[in-house]
Amino acid sequence: MPVFKLDINGKQLEADVAADTPLLWVLRDHLGLVGTKYGCGIAQCGACTVHINGAAVRSCSLPVSAVKTATVITIEGLSENGDHPVQQAWDEADVPQCGYCQAGQMMTAAAFLKKNPHPTQEEIETAMHGNICRCGAYHRIRKAVQLASTKI
């Protein structure tokens, strides 16, 4: 098996895994970064969202071999002290119910707000549409994204 050298959360890490191993399982099972969650396994729900070179990407269907020299940021690396504007807004809006989808939701929101720091409500709905929340906390998620946009 090849050894993959990965830039994750600002650290150079290695994983000795098969080339087709999904990045999600490398993060969780081989590197101990368990904040990124498994939801559906087919890149539809968003629970596994990470940033790759700043873009929100579903890690459950991305083979580790595709990462190459890209920079990967997980929820653990979004901010050192949990003080990213999105994380602060999530707390203020009391978003989580079960919390399972929240890391993916926050990673999607952070990437979106980096590209569009002052979105309309319609733009927020469009950007967050692909992330599933089984608890139905969508109104609080949208509220938090709007609130985070005022902090950026």
N, C-alpha and C. Protein backbone atom coordinates (compact mmCIF):
# COMPACT_ATOMS: atom_id res chain seq x y z
N MET A 1 0.85 -1.19 0.00
CA MET A 1 0.00 0.00 0.00
C MET A 1 0.89 1.24 0.00
N PRO A 2 0.45 2.24 -0.73
CA PRO A 2 1.23 3.48 -0.75
C PRO A 2 1.03 4.28 0.54
N VAL A 3 1.97 5.12 0.84
CA VAL A 3 1.86 6.05 1.96
C VAL A 3 1.51 7.41 1.36
N PHE A 4 0.39 7.95 1.79
CA PHE A 4 -0.05 9.25 1.30
C PHE A 4 0.37 10.33 2.29
N LYS A 5 1.03 11.36 1.77
CA LYS A 5 1.43 12.51 2.58
C LYS A 5 0.38 13.58 2.37
N LEU A 6 -0.26 13.96 3.45
CA LEU A 6 -1.41 14.85 3.37
C LEU A 6 -1.20 16.11 4.21
N ASP A 7 -1.68 17.23 3.68
CA ASP A 7 -1.67 18.50 4.41
C ASP A 7 -3.07 18.68 5.00
N ILE A 8 -3.19 18.36 6.29
CA ILE A 8 -4.49 18.42 6.95
C ILE A 8 -4.42 19.33 8.16
N ASN A 9 -5.27 20.35 8.16
CA ASN A 9 -5.35 21.31 9.27
C ASN A 9 -3.99 21.92 9.59
N GLY A 10 -3.21 22.16 8.53
CA GLY A 10 -1.92 22.81 8.70
C GLY A 10 -0.80 21.89 9.15
N LYS A 11 -1.06 20.61 9.21
CA LYS A 11 -0.03 19.64 9.62
C LYS A 11 0.22 18.66 8.47
N GLN A 12 1.44 18.22 8.38
CA GLN A 12 1.80 17.20 7.39
C GLN A 12 1.59 15.83 8.05
N LEU A 13 0.63 15.07 7.54
CA LEU A 13 0.29 13.77 8.11
C LEU A 13 0.46 12.70 7.04
N GLU A 14 0.64 11.47 7.49
CA GLU A 14 0.79 10.35 6.57
C GLU A 14 -0.26 9.28 6.85
N ALA A 15 -0.70 8.63 5.77
CA ALA A 15 -1.64 7.53 5.90
C ALA A 15 -1.21 6.41 4.97
N ASP A 16 -1.04 5.24 5.53
CA ASP A 16 -0.65 4.06 4.78
C ASP A 16 -1.94 3.29 4.47
N VAL A 17 -2.57 3.65 3.36
CA VAL A 17 -3.87 3.10 3.00
C VAL A 17 -3.93 2.83 1.50
N ALA A 18 -4.91 2.07 1.08
CA ALA A 18 -5.14 1.83 -0.35
C ALA A 18 -5.54 3.14 -1.02
N ALA A 19 -5.16 3.30 -2.27
CA ALA A 19 -5.41 4.54 -3.01
C ALA A 19 -6.89 4.88 -3.13
N ASP A 20 -7.75 3.86 -3.12
CA ASP A 20 -9.19 4.12 -3.28
C ASP A 20 -9.92 4.31 -1.95
N THR A 21 -9.19 4.36 -0.84
CA THR A 21 -9.82 4.58 0.46
C THR A 21 -10.42 5.99 0.48
N PRO A 22 -11.70 6.11 0.80
CA PRO A 22 -12.30 7.45 0.87
C PRO A 22 -11.60 8.31 1.93
N LEU A 23 -11.43 9.59 1.60
CA LEU A 23 -10.78 10.52 2.51
C LEU A 23 -11.45 10.50 3.89
N LEU A 24 -12.76 10.36 3.94
CA LEU A 24 -13.48 10.31 5.21
C LEU A 24 -12.90 9.26 6.14
N TRP A 25 -12.65 8.06 5.62
CA TRP A 25 -12.16 6.97 6.46
C TRP A 25 -10.70 7.16 6.82
N VAL A 26 -9.94 7.83 5.96
CA VAL A 26 -8.56 8.17 6.32
C VAL A 26 -8.58 9.12 7.50
N LEU A 27 -9.43 10.15 7.41
CA LEU A 27 -9.53 11.14 8.49
C LEU A 27 -9.95 10.47 9.80
N ARG A 28 -11.03 9.72 9.76
CA ARG A 28 -11.61 9.15 10.97
C ARG A 28 -10.81 7.96 11.52
N ASP A 29 -10.56 6.98 10.67
CA ASP A 29 -9.99 5.72 11.14
C ASP A 29 -8.47 5.70 11.24
N HIS A 30 -7.82 6.47 10.40
CA HIS A 30 -6.35 6.42 10.38
C HIS A 30 -5.70 7.62 11.04
N LEU A 31 -6.39 8.76 11.07
CA LEU A 31 -5.79 9.96 11.64
C LEU A 31 -6.49 10.44 12.91
N GLY A 32 -7.58 9.81 13.28
CA GLY A 32 -8.28 10.15 14.52
C GLY A 32 -9.04 11.47 14.50
N LEU A 33 -9.31 11.99 13.33
CA LEU A 33 -10.07 13.24 13.20
C LEU A 33 -11.54 12.87 13.00
N VAL A 34 -12.26 12.70 14.09
CA VAL A 34 -13.61 12.14 14.04
C VAL A 34 -14.72 13.19 14.00
N GLY A 35 -14.37 14.46 13.88
CA GLY A 35 -15.40 15.50 13.78
C GLY A 35 -16.18 15.40 12.49
N THR A 36 -15.53 14.96 11.43
CA THR A 36 -16.18 14.76 10.15
C THR A 36 -16.98 13.46 10.23
N LYS A 37 -18.25 13.53 9.91
CA LYS A 37 -19.15 12.39 10.13
C LYS A 37 -19.49 11.63 8.85
N TYR A 38 -19.82 10.36 9.02
CA TYR A 38 -20.35 9.53 7.94
C TYR A 38 -21.86 9.66 7.99
N GLY A 39 -22.46 9.98 6.86
CA GLY A 39 -23.91 10.08 6.82
C GLY A 39 -24.52 9.09 5.86
N CYS A 40 -24.19 9.24 4.58
CA CYS A 40 -24.84 8.41 3.57
C CYS A 40 -23.87 7.57 2.75
N GLY A 41 -22.66 8.01 2.62
CA GLY A 41 -21.67 7.28 1.84
C GLY A 41 -21.73 7.51 0.34
N ILE A 42 -22.65 8.35 -0.12
CA ILE A 42 -22.79 8.62 -1.55
C ILE A 42 -22.76 10.12 -1.86
N ALA A 43 -22.18 10.90 -0.98
CA ALA A 43 -21.98 12.34 -1.19
C ALA A 43 -23.28 13.12 -1.36
N GLN A 44 -24.35 12.68 -0.70
CA GLN A 44 -25.63 13.35 -0.85
C GLN A 44 -26.06 14.16 0.37
N CYS A 45 -25.61 13.80 1.56
CA CYS A 45 -26.16 14.43 2.77
C CYS A 45 -25.32 15.57 3.32
N GLY A 46 -24.02 15.58 3.08
CA GLY A 46 -23.16 16.67 3.53
C GLY A 46 -22.52 16.50 4.89
N ALA A 47 -22.82 15.43 5.62
CA ALA A 47 -22.24 15.25 6.95
C ALA A 47 -20.72 15.13 6.90
N CYS A 48 -20.18 14.70 5.78
CA CYS A 48 -18.74 14.45 5.64
C CYS A 48 -17.98 15.62 5.01
N THR A 49 -18.59 16.79 4.92
CA THR A 49 -17.99 17.92 4.22
C THR A 49 -16.72 18.42 4.90
N VAL A 50 -15.69 18.59 4.09
CA VAL A 50 -14.42 19.19 4.50
C VAL A 50 -14.08 20.25 3.45
N HIS A 51 -13.04 21.03 3.72
CA HIS A 51 -12.55 21.98 2.72
C HIS A 51 -11.32 21.40 2.06
N ILE A 52 -11.29 21.45 0.76
CA ILE A 52 -10.10 21.08 0.00
C ILE A 52 -9.75 22.29 -0.85
N ASN A 53 -8.59 22.85 -0.52
CA ASN A 53 -8.16 24.11 -1.14
C ASN A 53 -9.26 25.16 -1.05
N GLY A 54 -9.96 25.19 0.07
CA GLY A 54 -10.97 26.19 0.34
C GLY A 54 -12.37 25.87 -0.13
N ALA A 55 -12.53 24.83 -0.92
CA ALA A 55 -13.86 24.46 -1.44
C ALA A 55 -14.47 23.37 -0.57
N ALA A 56 -15.78 23.46 -0.38
CA ALA A 56 -16.51 22.42 0.37
C ALA A 56 -16.61 21.18 -0.50
N VAL A 57 -16.12 20.04 0.04
CA VAL A 57 -16.08 18.78 -0.70
C VAL A 57 -16.59 17.66 0.20
N ARG A 58 -17.33 16.74 -0.38
CA ARG A 58 -17.83 15.58 0.35
C ARG A 58 -16.72 14.53 0.41
N SER A 59 -16.24 14.23 1.59
CA SER A 59 -15.09 13.35 1.74
C SER A 59 -15.42 11.87 1.69
N CYS A 60 -16.70 11.50 1.75
CA CYS A 60 -17.06 10.07 1.76
C CYS A 60 -16.87 9.41 0.41
N SER A 61 -16.86 10.19 -0.65
CA SER A 61 -16.75 9.60 -1.99
C SER A 61 -15.47 10.02 -2.71
N LEU A 62 -14.59 10.73 -2.02
CA LEU A 62 -13.35 11.20 -2.62
C LEU A 62 -12.20 10.27 -2.21
N PRO A 63 -11.61 9.57 -3.16
CA PRO A 63 -10.49 8.70 -2.79
C PRO A 63 -9.30 9.53 -2.33
N VAL A 64 -8.59 9.01 -1.36
CA VAL A 64 -7.44 9.74 -0.81
C VAL A 64 -6.43 10.05 -1.90
N SER A 65 -6.32 9.21 -2.90
CA SER A 65 -5.38 9.44 -3.99
C SER A 65 -5.69 10.71 -4.78
N ALA A 66 -6.93 11.18 -4.75
CA ALA A 66 -7.32 12.39 -5.46
C ALA A 66 -6.90 13.66 -4.72
N VAL A 67 -6.57 13.54 -3.45
CA VAL A 67 -6.21 14.72 -2.66
C VAL A 67 -4.86 15.28 -3.10
N LYS A 68 -3.92 14.42 -3.41
CA LYS A 68 -2.57 14.79 -3.86
C LYS A 68 -1.94 15.81 -2.93
N THR A 69 -1.64 17.01 -3.41
CA THR A 69 -0.97 18.03 -2.59
C THR A 69 -1.93 19.09 -2.06
N ALA A 70 -3.21 18.84 -2.17
CA ALA A 70 -4.22 19.82 -1.75
C ALA A 70 -4.19 20.03 -0.23
N THR A 71 -4.64 21.18 0.18
CA THR A 71 -4.79 21.50 1.60
C THR A 71 -6.18 21.07 2.04
N VAL A 72 -6.24 20.26 3.09
CA VAL A 72 -7.51 19.76 3.62
C VAL A 72 -7.73 20.41 4.98
N ILE A 73 -8.92 20.95 5.19
CA ILE A 73 -9.32 21.48 6.49
C ILE A 73 -10.57 20.74 6.93
N THR A 74 -10.52 20.21 8.14
CA THR A 74 -11.67 19.54 8.73
C THR A 74 -12.29 20.48 9.76
N ILE A 75 -13.38 20.07 10.36
CA ILE A 75 -14.01 20.90 11.39
C ILE A 75 -13.04 21.18 12.53
N GLU A 76 -12.14 20.23 12.81
CA GLU A 76 -11.16 20.44 13.87
C GLU A 76 -10.19 21.56 13.53
N GLY A 77 -9.99 21.82 12.24
CA GLY A 77 -9.05 22.85 11.81
C GLY A 77 -9.70 24.14 11.37
N LEU A 78 -11.03 24.24 11.48
CA LEU A 78 -11.71 25.47 11.04
C LEU A 78 -11.22 26.67 11.83
N SER A 79 -11.02 26.49 13.12
CA SER A 79 -10.41 27.54 13.95
C SER A 79 -9.75 26.87 15.14
N GLU A 80 -8.71 27.49 15.61
CA GLU A 80 -7.94 26.91 16.71
C GLU A 80 -8.72 26.87 18.01
N ASN A 81 -9.53 27.89 18.26
CA ASN A 81 -10.23 28.01 19.54
C ASN A 81 -11.75 27.94 19.42
N GLY A 82 -12.25 27.46 18.30
CA GLY A 82 -13.69 27.40 18.11
C GLY A 82 -14.33 28.77 17.96
N ASP A 83 -13.54 29.73 17.47
CA ASP A 83 -14.04 31.10 17.39
C ASP A 83 -14.23 31.59 15.95
N HIS A 84 -14.32 30.67 15.02
CA HIS A 84 -14.66 31.06 13.65
C HIS A 84 -16.04 31.70 13.69
N PRO A 85 -16.30 32.73 12.89
CA PRO A 85 -17.62 33.37 12.90
C PRO A 85 -18.79 32.39 12.71
N VAL A 86 -18.60 31.36 11.92
CA VAL A 86 -19.67 30.37 11.73
C VAL A 86 -19.90 29.59 13.03
N GLN A 87 -18.84 29.20 13.69
CA GLN A 87 -18.98 28.47 14.96
C GLN A 87 -19.64 29.36 16.02
N GLN A 88 -19.26 30.61 16.07
CA GLN A 88 -19.88 31.54 17.03
C GLN A 88 -21.36 31.71 16.73
N ALA A 89 -21.70 31.86 15.46
CA ALA A 89 -23.10 32.04 15.07
C ALA A 89 -23.92 30.79 15.37
N TRP A 90 -23.32 29.62 15.18
CA TRP A 90 -24.02 28.37 15.48
C TRP A 90 -24.40 28.32 16.96
N ASP A 91 -23.47 28.75 17.80
CA ASP A 91 -23.76 28.79 19.24
C ASP A 91 -24.84 29.82 19.55
N GLU A 92 -24.70 31.02 18.99
CA GLU A 92 -25.67 32.10 19.25
C GLU A 92 -27.08 31.73 18.81
N ALA A 93 -27.19 31.08 17.66
CA ALA A 93 -28.50 30.71 17.11
C ALA A 93 -29.01 29.39 17.69
N ASP A 94 -28.21 28.76 18.55
CA ASP A 94 -28.58 27.49 19.18
C ASP A 94 -29.03 26.48 18.13
N VAL A 95 -28.19 26.29 17.11
CA VAL A 95 -28.55 25.46 15.97
C VAL A 95 -28.68 23.98 16.29
N PRO A 96 -27.68 23.35 16.90
CA PRO A 96 -27.72 21.89 16.99
C PRO A 96 -28.90 21.33 17.78
N GLN A 97 -29.45 20.28 17.24
CA GLN A 97 -30.42 19.51 17.99
C GLN A 97 -29.73 18.20 18.32
N CYS A 98 -29.64 17.27 17.39
CA CYS A 98 -28.84 16.07 17.68
C CYS A 98 -27.36 16.35 17.44
N GLY A 99 -27.07 17.28 16.53
CA GLY A 99 -25.70 17.70 16.28
C GLY A 99 -24.96 16.90 15.23
N TYR A 100 -25.52 15.81 14.76
CA TYR A 100 -24.78 14.92 13.88
C TYR A 100 -24.34 15.60 12.58
N CYS A 101 -25.18 16.38 11.97
CA CYS A 101 -24.86 17.00 10.68
C CYS A 101 -24.11 18.32 10.82
N GLN A 102 -23.97 18.80 12.02
CA GLN A 102 -23.50 20.17 12.21
C GLN A 102 -22.10 20.46 11.70
N ALA A 103 -21.15 19.54 11.83
CA ALA A 103 -19.81 19.80 11.30
C ALA A 103 -19.87 20.03 9.80
N GLY A 104 -20.60 19.18 9.09
CA GLY A 104 -20.74 19.34 7.65
C GLY A 104 -21.47 20.62 7.28
N GLN A 105 -22.50 20.94 8.05
CA GLN A 105 -23.24 22.18 7.81
C GLN A 105 -22.32 23.38 7.97
N MET A 106 -21.54 23.39 9.06
CA MET A 106 -20.64 24.51 9.32
C MET A 106 -19.55 24.63 8.26
N MET A 107 -19.02 23.50 7.81
CA MET A 107 -17.98 23.54 6.79
C MET A 107 -18.54 24.06 5.46
N THR A 108 -19.75 23.67 5.14
CA THR A 108 -20.40 24.18 3.93
C THR A 108 -20.63 25.69 4.06
N ALA A 109 -21.13 26.11 5.20
CA ALA A 109 -21.40 27.53 5.43
C ALA A 109 -20.12 28.36 5.38
N ALA A 110 -19.05 27.87 6.00
CA ALA A 110 -17.78 28.62 6.04
C ALA A 110 -17.22 28.80 4.63
N ALA A 111 -17.24 27.75 3.81
CA ALA A 111 -16.74 27.86 2.43
C ALA A 111 -17.62 28.81 1.63
N PHE A 112 -18.92 28.72 1.82
CA PHE A 112 -19.86 29.60 1.11
C PHE A 112 -19.62 31.06 1.49
N LEU A 113 -19.50 31.34 2.78
CA LEU A 113 -19.33 32.73 3.24
C LEU A 113 -17.97 33.30 2.85
N LYS A 114 -17.00 32.45 2.66
CA LYS A 114 -15.70 32.94 2.20
C LYS A 114 -15.82 33.49 0.78
N LYS A 115 -16.66 32.84 -0.04
CA LYS A 115 -16.89 33.29 -1.41
C LYS A 115 -17.92 34.42 -1.48
N ASN A 116 -18.89 34.39 -0.58
CA ASN A 116 -20.00 35.35 -0.61
C ASN A 116 -20.26 35.82 0.82
N PRO A 117 -19.47 36.78 1.31
CA PRO A 117 -19.56 37.17 2.72
C PRO A 117 -20.85 37.90 3.13
N HIS A 118 -21.61 38.38 2.18
CA HIS A 118 -22.84 39.11 2.52
C HIS A 118 -23.99 38.63 1.63
N PRO A 119 -24.41 37.38 1.84
CA PRO A 119 -25.43 36.78 0.98
C PRO A 119 -26.85 37.21 1.33
N THR A 120 -27.71 37.03 0.36
CA THR A 120 -29.14 37.20 0.59
C THR A 120 -29.67 35.92 1.21
N GLN A 121 -30.88 35.97 1.71
CA GLN A 121 -31.50 34.77 2.28
C GLN A 121 -31.65 33.69 1.21
N GLU A 122 -31.98 34.09 0.01
CA GLU A 122 -32.14 33.13 -1.09
C GLU A 122 -30.80 32.46 -1.42
N GLU A 123 -29.72 33.23 -1.41
CA GLU A 123 -28.40 32.66 -1.68
C GLU A 123 -28.00 31.67 -0.58
N ILE A 124 -28.35 31.99 0.66
CA ILE A 124 -28.06 31.06 1.77
C ILE A 124 -28.83 29.77 1.58
N GLU A 125 -30.10 29.87 1.25
CA GLU A 125 -30.91 28.66 1.05
C GLU A 125 -30.35 27.80 -0.08
N THR A 126 -29.92 28.43 -1.15
CA THR A 126 -29.35 27.69 -2.28
C THR A 126 -28.05 27.02 -1.88
N ALA A 127 -27.18 27.74 -1.19
CA ALA A 127 -25.88 27.21 -0.81
C ALA A 127 -25.99 26.05 0.18
N MET A 128 -26.95 26.12 1.09
CA MET A 128 -27.07 25.11 2.14
C MET A 128 -28.03 23.99 1.75
N HIS A 129 -28.67 24.10 0.62
CA HIS A 129 -29.71 23.16 0.20
C HIS A 129 -29.24 21.70 0.17
N GLY A 130 -28.00 21.44 -0.20
CA GLY A 130 -27.52 20.07 -0.34
C GLY A 130 -27.15 19.38 0.96
N ASN A 131 -27.23 20.08 2.07
CA ASN A 131 -26.90 19.47 3.37
C ASN A 131 -28.19 19.07 4.08
N ILE A 132 -28.24 17.81 4.48
CA ILE A 132 -29.44 17.29 5.12
C ILE A 132 -29.32 17.36 6.63
N CYS A 133 -30.38 17.83 7.27
CA CYS A 133 -30.49 17.83 8.73
C CYS A 133 -31.70 16.97 9.07
N ARG A 134 -31.44 15.84 9.66
CA ARG A 134 -32.54 14.91 9.97
C ARG A 134 -33.48 15.46 11.04
N CYS A 135 -32.98 16.39 11.82
CA CYS A 135 -33.82 16.98 12.87
C CYS A 135 -34.68 18.13 12.34
N GLY A 136 -34.37 18.59 11.14
CA GLY A 136 -35.16 19.68 10.56
C GLY A 136 -34.83 21.05 11.12
N ALA A 137 -33.60 21.28 11.51
CA ALA A 137 -33.20 22.57 12.10
C ALA A 137 -32.84 23.60 11.04
N TYR A 138 -33.42 23.48 9.88
CA TYR A 138 -33.05 24.34 8.75
C TYR A 138 -33.24 25.82 9.03
N HIS A 139 -34.31 26.19 9.73
CA HIS A 139 -34.53 27.61 10.00
C HIS A 139 -33.42 28.17 10.89
N ARG A 140 -32.94 27.38 11.85
CA ARG A 140 -31.83 27.84 12.72
C ARG A 140 -30.51 27.84 11.95
N ILE A 141 -30.34 26.91 11.05
CA ILE A 141 -29.13 26.88 10.23
C ILE A 141 -29.07 28.13 9.37
N ARG A 142 -30.16 28.46 8.69
CA ARG A 142 -30.19 29.67 7.86
C ARG A 142 -29.96 30.92 8.70
N LYS A 143 -30.55 30.95 9.88
CA LYS A 143 -30.36 32.08 10.79
C LYS A 143 -28.89 32.21 11.17
N ALA A 144 -28.24 31.10 11.47
CA ALA A 144 -26.83 31.12 11.86
C ALA A 144 -25.93 31.57 10.71
N VAL A 145 -26.22 31.12 9.51
CA VAL A 145 -25.41 31.55 8.35
C VAL A 145 -25.56 33.05 8.15
N GLN A 146 -26.79 33.55 8.26
CA GLN A 146 -27.01 34.99 8.13
C GLN A 146 -26.27 35.75 9.24
N LEU A 147 -26.35 35.26 10.46
CA LEU A 147 -25.66 35.87 11.58
C LEU A 147 -24.14 35.84 11.37
N ALA A 148 -23.61 34.73 10.90
CA ALA A 148 -22.17 34.63 10.65
C ALA A 148 -21.72 35.63 9.60
N SER A 149 -22.59 35.90 8.63
CA SER A 149 -22.23 36.86 7.59
C SER A 149 -22.04 38.27 8.14
N THR A 150 -22.63 38.56 9.27
CA THR A 150 -22.45 39.88 9.88
C THR A 150 -21.16 39.94 10.71
N LYS A 151 -20.54 38.79 10.94
CA LYS A 151 -19.32 38.72 11.75
C LYS A 151 -18.06 38.62 10.90
N ILE A 152 -18.24 38.43 9.60
CA ILE A 152 -17.09 38.23 8.71
C ILE A 152 -16.60 39.56 8.19
